[in-house]
N, C-alpha and C. Protein backbone atom coordinates (compact mmCIF):
# COMPACT_ATOMS: atom_id res chain seq x y z
N MET A 1 73.08 80.57 -6.66
CA MET A 1 73.57 80.85 -5.32
C MET A 1 74.99 80.29 -5.16
N GLU A 2 75.21 79.11 -5.68
CA GLU A 2 76.51 78.47 -5.56
C GLU A 2 77.58 79.27 -6.29
N ARG A 3 77.25 79.75 -7.46
CA ARG A 3 78.19 80.53 -8.27
C ARG A 3 78.47 81.88 -7.62
N ILE A 4 77.45 82.51 -7.04
CA ILE A 4 77.64 83.80 -6.36
C ILE A 4 78.55 83.63 -5.17
N ALA A 5 78.33 82.57 -4.39
CA ALA A 5 79.18 82.30 -3.23
C ALA A 5 80.62 82.03 -3.66
N GLU A 6 80.78 81.39 -4.81
CA GLU A 6 82.11 81.10 -5.33
C GLU A 6 82.84 82.38 -5.72
N ILE A 7 82.13 83.29 -6.39
CA ILE A 7 82.73 84.53 -6.87
C ILE A 7 83.09 85.46 -5.72
N PHE A 8 82.13 85.67 -4.81
CA PHE A 8 82.33 86.66 -3.75
C PHE A 8 82.90 86.06 -2.48
N GLY A 9 83.07 84.76 -2.43
CA GLY A 9 83.63 84.13 -1.24
C GLY A 9 82.68 84.14 -0.07
N LEU A 10 81.37 84.13 -0.33
CA LEU A 10 80.38 84.16 0.74
C LEU A 10 80.24 82.78 1.36
N THR A 11 80.57 82.67 2.62
CA THR A 11 80.37 81.42 3.32
C THR A 11 79.71 81.74 4.65
N ASP A 12 78.47 81.34 4.77
CA ASP A 12 77.75 81.50 6.02
C ASP A 12 76.97 80.23 6.26
N PHE A 13 76.09 80.25 7.22
CA PHE A 13 75.37 79.04 7.59
C PHE A 13 74.44 78.56 6.50
N ARG A 14 73.85 79.47 5.73
CA ARG A 14 72.95 79.05 4.64
C ARG A 14 73.68 78.23 3.60
N THR A 15 74.88 78.65 3.23
CA THR A 15 75.63 77.88 2.24
C THR A 15 76.08 76.55 2.82
N ALA A 16 76.36 76.50 4.12
CA ALA A 16 76.73 75.24 4.76
C ALA A 16 75.56 74.26 4.74
N VAL A 17 74.35 74.75 5.00
CA VAL A 17 73.17 73.89 4.97
C VAL A 17 72.91 73.40 3.57
N GLU A 18 73.01 74.27 2.58
CA GLU A 18 72.78 73.87 1.19
C GLU A 18 73.82 72.85 0.73
N GLU A 19 75.06 73.04 1.13
CA GLU A 19 76.10 72.11 0.73
C GLU A 19 75.95 70.76 1.42
N SER A 20 75.40 70.75 2.63
CA SER A 20 75.22 69.49 3.34
C SER A 20 74.11 68.64 2.74
N LYS A 21 73.23 69.25 1.95
CA LYS A 21 72.13 68.50 1.33
C LYS A 21 72.55 67.80 0.04
N LYS A 22 73.75 68.08 -0.44
CA LYS A 22 74.22 67.43 -1.65
C LYS A 22 74.47 65.95 -1.39
N GLU A 23 74.41 65.15 -2.43
CA GLU A 23 74.66 63.72 -2.33
C GLU A 23 76.13 63.48 -1.97
N ILE A 24 76.36 62.63 -0.98
CA ILE A 24 77.74 62.33 -0.58
C ILE A 24 78.14 60.98 -1.14
N ARG A 25 79.43 60.79 -1.30
CA ARG A 25 79.91 59.53 -1.85
C ARG A 25 79.71 58.43 -0.82
N PRO A 26 79.44 57.21 -1.27
CA PRO A 26 79.31 56.11 -0.31
C PRO A 26 80.66 55.79 0.30
N TYR A 27 80.68 55.59 1.58
CA TYR A 27 81.93 55.34 2.28
C TYR A 27 81.74 54.15 3.20
N ASN A 28 82.52 53.12 2.98
CA ASN A 28 82.47 51.94 3.83
C ASN A 28 83.76 51.87 4.63
N LYS A 29 83.63 52.07 5.92
CA LYS A 29 84.80 52.09 6.80
C LYS A 29 85.38 50.68 6.91
N VAL A 30 86.66 50.56 6.68
CA VAL A 30 87.32 49.26 6.78
C VAL A 30 88.30 49.24 7.96
N SER A 31 88.66 50.36 8.50
CA SER A 31 89.60 50.42 9.61
C SER A 31 88.85 50.24 10.94
N THR A 32 89.48 49.58 11.87
CA THR A 32 88.88 49.42 13.19
C THR A 32 89.40 50.49 14.16
N ASN A 33 90.29 51.35 13.68
CA ASN A 33 90.85 52.41 14.50
C ASN A 33 89.77 53.46 14.80
N ILE A 34 89.59 53.77 16.07
CA ILE A 34 88.66 54.83 16.47
C ILE A 34 89.48 56.04 16.85
N TYR A 35 89.41 57.07 16.03
CA TYR A 35 90.21 58.27 16.23
C TYR A 35 89.37 59.32 16.92
N LYS A 36 89.86 59.83 18.02
CA LYS A 36 89.20 60.92 18.72
C LYS A 36 90.10 62.14 18.63
N PRO A 37 89.60 63.23 18.08
CA PRO A 37 90.46 64.41 17.92
C PRO A 37 90.77 65.07 19.27
N GLU A 38 91.89 65.76 19.31
CA GLU A 38 92.27 66.51 20.50
C GLU A 38 91.74 67.93 20.45
N GLN A 39 91.52 68.42 19.23
CA GLN A 39 90.99 69.76 19.03
C GLN A 39 89.80 69.69 18.09
N ALA A 40 88.73 70.43 18.42
CA ALA A 40 87.55 70.47 17.56
C ALA A 40 86.79 71.76 17.84
N ARG A 41 86.35 72.44 16.82
CA ARG A 41 85.55 73.65 16.98
C ARG A 41 84.10 73.31 17.31
N TYR A 42 83.58 72.20 16.74
CA TYR A 42 82.17 71.85 16.91
C TYR A 42 82.03 70.49 17.57
N LYS A 43 80.88 70.32 18.22
CA LYS A 43 80.51 69.05 18.81
C LYS A 43 79.05 68.79 18.48
N LEU A 44 78.76 67.63 17.90
CA LEU A 44 77.40 67.22 17.59
C LEU A 44 76.97 66.19 18.62
N VAL A 45 75.88 66.48 19.32
CA VAL A 45 75.32 65.54 20.29
C VAL A 45 73.99 65.06 19.74
N ILE A 46 73.86 63.74 19.61
CA ILE A 46 72.63 63.15 19.08
C ILE A 46 72.03 62.24 20.15
N TRP A 47 70.76 62.48 20.47
CA TRP A 47 69.99 61.59 21.31
C TRP A 47 69.09 60.80 20.38
N PHE A 48 69.27 59.48 20.37
CA PHE A 48 68.50 58.62 19.47
C PHE A 48 67.19 58.19 20.11
N LYS A 49 66.26 57.73 19.29
CA LYS A 49 64.95 57.29 19.77
C LYS A 49 65.04 56.07 20.68
N ASP A 50 66.08 55.26 20.50
CA ASP A 50 66.22 54.07 21.33
C ASP A 50 66.86 54.36 22.69
N GLY A 51 67.12 55.63 23.01
CA GLY A 51 67.65 56.02 24.31
C GLY A 51 69.15 56.23 24.36
N ASN A 52 69.86 55.89 23.31
CA ASN A 52 71.30 56.08 23.28
C ASN A 52 71.66 57.51 22.94
N ARG A 53 72.85 57.92 23.36
CA ARG A 53 73.36 59.24 23.03
C ARG A 53 74.75 59.07 22.44
N ARG A 54 75.05 59.86 21.43
CA ARG A 54 76.34 59.79 20.75
C ARG A 54 76.90 61.20 20.61
N ILE A 55 78.19 61.35 20.78
CA ILE A 55 78.86 62.64 20.62
C ILE A 55 79.87 62.51 19.49
N TYR A 56 79.80 63.43 18.54
CA TYR A 56 80.73 63.48 17.41
C TYR A 56 81.44 64.82 17.45
N TYR A 57 82.75 64.80 17.24
CA TYR A 57 83.53 66.03 17.18
C TYR A 57 83.89 66.31 15.72
N SER A 58 84.09 67.58 15.43
CA SER A 58 84.46 67.96 14.06
C SER A 58 85.95 67.71 13.84
N TYR A 59 86.28 67.44 12.60
CA TYR A 59 87.68 67.31 12.18
C TYR A 59 88.01 68.54 11.36
N ASP A 60 88.68 69.50 11.99
CA ASP A 60 88.88 70.81 11.39
C ASP A 60 90.08 70.89 10.47
N ASN A 61 91.02 69.98 10.60
CA ASN A 61 92.24 70.06 9.81
C ASN A 61 92.07 69.34 8.48
N GLN A 62 92.44 70.01 7.42
CA GLN A 62 92.44 69.45 6.08
C GLN A 62 93.87 69.45 5.58
N TYR A 63 94.22 68.44 4.82
CA TYR A 63 95.58 68.33 4.30
C TYR A 63 95.54 68.44 2.78
N TYR A 64 96.37 69.33 2.26
CA TYR A 64 96.50 69.51 0.82
C TYR A 64 97.98 69.59 0.51
N ASN A 65 98.48 68.66 -0.30
CA ASN A 65 99.91 68.55 -0.60
C ASN A 65 100.75 68.46 0.67
N LYS A 66 100.27 67.66 1.60
CA LYS A 66 100.93 67.39 2.88
C LYS A 66 101.10 68.64 3.75
N VAL A 67 100.29 69.65 3.50
CA VAL A 67 100.31 70.86 4.31
C VAL A 67 98.96 70.96 5.03
N LYS A 68 99.00 71.19 6.34
CA LYS A 68 97.79 71.23 7.14
C LYS A 68 97.15 72.61 7.09
N HIS A 69 95.83 72.63 6.87
CA HIS A 69 95.03 73.86 6.88
C HIS A 69 93.82 73.63 7.77
N THR A 70 93.32 74.69 8.36
CA THR A 70 92.12 74.61 9.17
C THR A 70 90.93 75.03 8.33
N ASP A 71 89.94 74.15 8.22
CA ASP A 71 88.73 74.44 7.45
C ASP A 71 87.52 74.12 8.32
N GLU A 72 87.09 75.11 9.10
CA GLU A 72 85.96 74.91 10.01
C GLU A 72 84.63 74.93 9.27
N TYR A 73 84.59 75.52 8.11
CA TYR A 73 83.36 75.49 7.29
C TYR A 73 83.07 74.07 6.82
N ASN A 74 84.07 73.42 6.28
CA ASN A 74 83.91 72.06 5.77
C ASN A 74 83.58 71.08 6.91
N SER A 75 84.16 71.28 8.07
CA SER A 75 83.87 70.40 9.20
C SER A 75 82.43 70.58 9.68
N LEU A 76 81.89 71.80 9.61
CA LEU A 76 80.49 72.02 9.95
C LEU A 76 79.57 71.35 8.93
N VAL A 77 79.93 71.43 7.66
CA VAL A 77 79.13 70.78 6.61
C VAL A 77 79.07 69.27 6.85
N LYS A 78 80.19 68.68 7.23
CA LYS A 78 80.22 67.24 7.47
C LYS A 78 79.36 66.85 8.67
N LEU A 79 79.34 67.67 9.72
CA LEU A 79 78.47 67.38 10.86
C LEU A 79 77.00 67.53 10.48
N LEU A 80 76.68 68.51 9.64
CA LEU A 80 75.30 68.67 9.17
C LEU A 80 74.88 67.48 8.31
N GLN A 81 75.80 66.97 7.49
CA GLN A 81 75.51 65.78 6.69
C GLN A 81 75.25 64.57 7.59
N LEU A 82 76.03 64.44 8.64
CA LEU A 82 75.84 63.35 9.59
C LEU A 82 74.50 63.47 10.29
N MET A 83 74.12 64.68 10.64
CA MET A 83 72.83 64.90 11.29
C MET A 83 71.69 64.55 10.34
N ASN A 84 71.82 64.93 9.06
CA ASN A 84 70.79 64.61 8.07
C ASN A 84 70.73 63.12 7.77
N LYS A 85 71.86 62.45 7.86
CA LYS A 85 71.90 61.01 7.60
C LYS A 85 71.09 60.24 8.64
N HIS A 86 71.13 60.68 9.88
CA HIS A 86 70.45 59.98 10.97
C HIS A 86 69.11 60.62 11.35
N LYS A 87 68.57 61.53 10.55
CA LYS A 87 67.42 62.30 11.00
C LYS A 87 66.16 61.47 11.25
N ASP A 88 66.02 60.29 10.65
CA ASP A 88 64.85 59.47 10.93
C ASP A 88 64.99 58.69 12.24
N LYS A 89 66.20 58.61 12.80
CA LYS A 89 66.44 57.91 14.07
C LYS A 89 66.64 58.86 15.24
N ILE A 90 66.62 60.17 14.96
CA ILE A 90 66.97 61.18 15.97
C ILE A 90 65.76 61.57 16.81
N LYS A 91 66.00 61.65 18.10
CA LYS A 91 65.03 62.25 19.00
C LYS A 91 65.34 63.74 19.13
N ASN A 92 66.63 64.04 19.26
CA ASN A 92 67.09 65.42 19.36
C ASN A 92 68.56 65.46 18.95
N ALA A 93 68.97 66.50 18.24
CA ALA A 93 70.37 66.66 17.84
C ALA A 93 70.74 68.14 17.90
N ILE A 94 71.90 68.41 18.47
CA ILE A 94 72.37 69.79 18.62
C ILE A 94 73.84 69.85 18.24
N ILE A 95 74.18 70.86 17.45
CA ILE A 95 75.59 71.15 17.15
C ILE A 95 75.99 72.36 17.98
N TYR A 96 77.04 72.16 18.78
CA TYR A 96 77.57 73.22 19.63
C TYR A 96 78.92 73.67 19.09
N ALA A 97 79.29 74.90 19.41
CA ALA A 97 80.62 75.42 19.07
C ALA A 97 81.28 75.93 20.34
N THR A 98 82.58 75.90 20.36
CA THR A 98 83.33 76.47 21.48
C THR A 98 83.95 77.79 21.04
N LEU A 99 83.99 78.73 21.97
CA LEU A 99 84.60 80.03 21.69
C LEU A 99 86.06 80.06 22.12
N ASP A 100 86.55 78.96 22.63
CA ASP A 100 87.93 78.84 23.08
C ASP A 100 88.87 78.90 21.87
N LYS A 101 89.93 79.68 21.98
CA LYS A 101 90.89 79.80 20.87
C LYS A 101 91.64 78.49 20.61
N ASN A 102 91.92 77.72 21.68
CA ASN A 102 92.64 76.45 21.53
C ASN A 102 91.74 75.34 21.05
N LYS A 103 90.44 75.48 21.23
CA LYS A 103 89.39 74.54 20.83
C LYS A 103 89.69 73.09 21.19
N LEU A 104 90.15 72.87 22.42
CA LEU A 104 90.38 71.52 22.92
C LEU A 104 89.04 70.83 23.15
N THR A 105 89.02 69.50 23.03
CA THR A 105 87.75 68.77 23.17
C THR A 105 87.23 68.82 24.60
N GLY A 106 88.06 69.15 25.56
CA GLY A 106 87.62 69.27 26.95
C GLY A 106 87.08 70.65 27.28
N SER A 107 87.10 71.58 26.34
CA SER A 107 86.64 72.94 26.61
C SER A 107 85.11 73.01 26.62
N ASN A 108 84.60 74.17 26.96
CA ASN A 108 83.16 74.36 27.12
C ASN A 108 82.52 74.65 25.76
N TYR A 109 81.70 73.74 25.29
CA TYR A 109 80.94 73.94 24.05
C TYR A 109 79.61 74.56 24.44
N ASN A 110 79.53 75.87 24.36
CA ASN A 110 78.37 76.55 24.93
C ASN A 110 77.57 77.38 23.94
N VAL A 111 77.92 77.40 22.67
CA VAL A 111 77.16 78.17 21.69
C VAL A 111 76.40 77.20 20.78
N ASN A 112 75.09 77.34 20.77
CA ASN A 112 74.23 76.48 19.95
C ASN A 112 74.29 76.96 18.50
N ILE A 113 74.70 76.08 17.60
CA ILE A 113 74.80 76.41 16.18
C ILE A 113 73.56 75.97 15.43
N CYS A 114 73.13 74.74 15.67
CA CYS A 114 71.98 74.18 14.97
C CYS A 114 71.31 73.15 15.87
N TRP A 115 69.98 73.03 15.74
CA TRP A 115 69.21 72.13 16.58
C TRP A 115 68.13 71.47 15.74
N LEU A 116 67.91 70.18 15.93
CA LEU A 116 66.89 69.42 15.21
C LEU A 116 66.21 68.48 16.19
N ASN A 117 64.86 68.39 16.14
CA ASN A 117 64.18 67.47 17.04
C ASN A 117 63.41 66.40 16.28
N ILE A 118 62.71 65.56 17.01
CA ILE A 118 62.05 64.39 16.46
C ILE A 118 60.96 64.74 15.44
N SER A 119 60.30 65.87 15.62
CA SER A 119 59.23 66.25 14.71
C SER A 119 59.72 67.00 13.47
N GLY A 120 61.02 67.15 13.34
CA GLY A 120 61.59 67.82 12.17
C GLY A 120 61.77 69.30 12.34
N ASN A 121 61.40 69.85 13.48
CA ASN A 121 61.62 71.27 13.75
C ASN A 121 63.10 71.52 13.94
N HIS A 122 63.56 72.62 13.41
CA HIS A 122 64.97 72.96 13.57
C HIS A 122 65.12 74.45 13.75
N SER A 123 66.22 74.82 14.33
CA SER A 123 66.58 76.23 14.44
C SER A 123 68.07 76.33 14.18
N GLU A 124 68.48 77.50 13.78
CA GLU A 124 69.89 77.71 13.47
C GLU A 124 70.31 79.08 13.95
N ASN A 125 71.55 79.21 14.29
CA ASN A 125 72.12 80.46 14.75
C ASN A 125 72.43 81.33 13.53
N LYS A 126 71.79 82.47 13.44
CA LYS A 126 71.94 83.35 12.27
C LYS A 126 73.27 84.10 12.25
N ALA A 127 74.00 84.06 13.35
CA ALA A 127 75.26 84.81 13.43
C ALA A 127 76.46 84.01 12.95
N VAL A 128 76.24 82.81 12.44
CA VAL A 128 77.35 81.96 12.00
C VAL A 128 77.84 82.44 10.63
N THR A 129 79.07 82.90 10.59
CA THR A 129 79.75 83.26 9.34
C THR A 129 81.19 82.81 9.44
N PHE A 130 81.85 82.77 8.32
CA PHE A 130 83.22 82.29 8.26
C PHE A 130 84.10 83.35 7.62
N LYS A 131 85.37 83.34 8.01
CA LYS A 131 86.32 84.28 7.41
C LYS A 131 87.57 83.51 7.04
N VAL A 132 88.27 84.05 6.06
CA VAL A 132 89.50 83.41 5.58
C VAL A 132 90.68 84.18 6.15
N GLU A 133 91.55 83.44 6.83
CA GLU A 133 92.79 84.01 7.36
C GLU A 133 93.94 83.21 6.79
N GLY A 134 94.63 83.78 5.85
CA GLY A 134 95.69 83.06 5.15
C GLY A 134 95.07 81.96 4.31
N LYS A 135 95.41 80.71 4.61
CA LYS A 135 94.80 79.59 3.89
C LYS A 135 93.79 78.86 4.76
N ASN A 136 93.45 79.44 5.89
CA ASN A 136 92.51 78.82 6.82
C ASN A 136 91.13 79.45 6.69
N ASN A 137 90.10 78.62 6.72
CA ASN A 137 88.71 79.07 6.68
C ASN A 137 88.13 78.80 8.06
N ILE A 138 87.96 79.87 8.85
CA ILE A 138 87.58 79.68 10.24
C ILE A 138 86.28 80.40 10.57
N LEU A 139 85.68 79.97 11.67
CA LEU A 139 84.44 80.58 12.18
C LEU A 139 84.77 81.96 12.73
N ASP A 140 83.93 82.94 12.41
CA ASP A 140 84.13 84.30 12.91
C ASP A 140 83.62 84.37 14.35
N LEU A 141 84.52 84.19 15.32
CA LEU A 141 84.14 84.11 16.73
C LEU A 141 83.65 85.44 17.27
N ASP A 142 84.25 86.54 16.82
CA ASP A 142 83.83 87.85 17.31
C ASP A 142 82.39 88.14 16.92
N ARG A 143 82.03 87.86 15.69
CA ARG A 143 80.66 88.06 15.22
C ARG A 143 79.70 87.13 15.94
N LEU A 144 80.12 85.90 16.18
CA LEU A 144 79.29 84.92 16.86
C LEU A 144 78.98 85.36 18.28
N LYS A 145 79.99 85.88 18.99
CA LYS A 145 79.78 86.37 20.36
C LYS A 145 78.87 87.60 20.38
N LEU A 146 79.06 88.47 19.42
CA LEU A 146 78.37 89.74 19.44
C LEU A 146 76.91 89.63 18.98
N TYR A 147 76.65 88.86 17.91
CA TYR A 147 75.34 88.85 17.32
C TYR A 147 74.47 87.63 17.61
N SER A 148 74.99 86.66 18.36
CA SER A 148 74.17 85.49 18.68
C SER A 148 73.06 85.85 19.64
N ASP A 149 71.93 85.17 19.51
CA ASP A 149 70.83 85.31 20.43
C ASP A 149 71.32 84.87 21.82
N PRO A 150 71.08 85.65 22.86
CA PRO A 150 71.55 85.27 24.20
C PRO A 150 71.03 83.91 24.66
N ASN A 151 69.88 83.47 24.14
CA ASN A 151 69.34 82.18 24.52
C ASN A 151 70.15 81.03 23.94
N LEU A 152 70.94 81.29 22.89
CA LEU A 152 71.73 80.25 22.25
C LEU A 152 73.12 80.12 22.85
N ILE A 153 73.49 81.03 23.75
CA ILE A 153 74.80 80.98 24.39
C ILE A 153 74.62 80.54 25.82
N GLY A 154 75.26 79.44 26.18
CA GLY A 154 75.19 78.92 27.54
C GLY A 154 76.22 79.57 28.43
N LYS A 155 76.24 79.15 29.64
CA LYS A 155 77.18 79.71 30.62
C LYS A 155 78.48 78.95 30.61
């Protein structure tokens, strides 16, 4: 599956889920700087069993040779990895996407991408696919609007 996706450039939600299950490198944060992005395509909201709630935004910009590119596929994979990392402490977790072109963090995150609850039940939006525009790998918003289940799109 990995080789087929590599050859044909297939990137959809199934490949994002499979890639998020891979072993990640251990990372020990040493900086005390808390960075909050100004723009994010996705927002992960986690309600923990102890009653706390945490909101994580995606980091969509990737830098290669000091040139900025938008990679919304990779940012979704990282949020899925974060959700899997905390799955034994989660009461409920939902990844939302915004359909706003500017994708500011204050915009309306109203499309449900993935959902996980305390008993391990999960659902995912089948209309999630990605397209390549130049050197950017972005979420296909037109397909998401058109083919998403109406119950997964909020007001």
